[in-house]
Protein backbone atom coordinates (compact mmCIF):
# COMPACT_ATOMS: atom_id res chain seq x y z
CA MET A 1 108.15 108.97 112.51
CA PRO A 2 109.15 112.59 112.01
CA CYS A 3 108.67 114.16 108.60
CA ASN A 4 111.90 114.19 106.58
CA GLU A 5 110.47 114.96 103.11
CA GLY A 6 109.50 118.35 101.76
CA LYS A 7 106.31 119.08 99.81
CA ILE A 8 107.93 118.88 96.37
CA ASP A 9 109.79 115.69 97.31
CA ARG A 10 106.56 114.11 98.53
CA ALA A 11 104.58 115.14 95.44
CA LEU A 12 107.24 113.74 93.10
CA ARG A 13 107.35 110.46 95.02
CA VAL A 14 103.57 110.05 94.85
CA LEU A 15 103.59 110.85 91.12
CA VAL A 16 106.42 108.40 90.37
CA GLY A 17 104.77 105.74 92.50
CA LEU A 18 101.46 106.07 90.68
CA VAL A 19 103.17 105.94 87.28
CA LEU A 20 105.07 102.79 88.22
CA ILE A 21 101.93 101.11 89.55
CA ALA A 22 100.08 102.09 86.36
CA LEU A 23 102.70 100.11 84.41
CA VAL A 24 101.30 96.95 85.98
CA PHE A 25 97.97 97.54 84.23
CA VAL A 26 99.13 99.19 80.98
CA GLY A 27 102.42 98.99 79.16
CA PRO A 28 104.75 96.06 79.74
CA GLN A 29 102.53 94.61 82.51
CA THR A 30 105.35 93.22 84.60
CA ALA A 31 105.50 92.83 88.36
CA TRP A 32 108.28 95.45 88.54
CA GLY A 33 105.60 98.13 88.56
CA TRP A 34 104.63 97.12 92.09
CA LEU A 35 107.90 98.69 93.24
CA GLY A 36 105.95 101.92 92.84
CA LEU A 37 104.40 101.19 96.22
CA ILE A 38 107.65 102.21 97.88
CA PRO A 39 107.79 105.83 96.65
CA LEU A 40 104.00 106.08 96.89
CA LEU A 41 103.91 105.10 100.56
CA THR A 42 106.96 107.15 101.54
CA GLY A 43 105.42 110.14 99.78
CA LEU A 44 102.09 109.70 101.52
CA PHE A 45 103.62 109.25 104.97
CA GLY A 46 106.30 111.93 104.52
CA PHE A 47 109.02 109.71 105.94
CA CYS A 48 111.78 107.97 104.00
CA PRO A 49 113.77 105.38 105.97
CA LEU A 50 116.77 105.80 103.65
CA TYR A 51 116.79 109.55 104.28
CA GLY A 52 116.78 108.79 108.00
CA LEU A 53 119.78 106.46 107.66
CA ILE A 54 121.92 108.91 105.69
CA GLY A 55 120.75 112.03 107.54
CA VAL A 56 118.95 113.83 104.70
CA ASN A 57 116.01 116.10 105.54
CA THR A 58 114.17 118.04 102.82
CA CYS A 59 111.30 119.03 105.12
CA LYS A 60 111.29 122.68 106.17
CA SER A 61 111.36 123.36 109.90
CA GLU A 62 107.96 124.35 111.23
């Protein structure tokens, strides 16, 4: 899986993912917070399948 997310994109995804997962434990405590796993994992791995499908690449060439 090639990297298709830039550093800022990855950091924002991890942050959003952690916030959504935190909602499971505090706040409304609904299962919808577990959707935070999606941005968290894509941010950690640096690859977004949706970006791959639509041809978006925010990762700088190395």
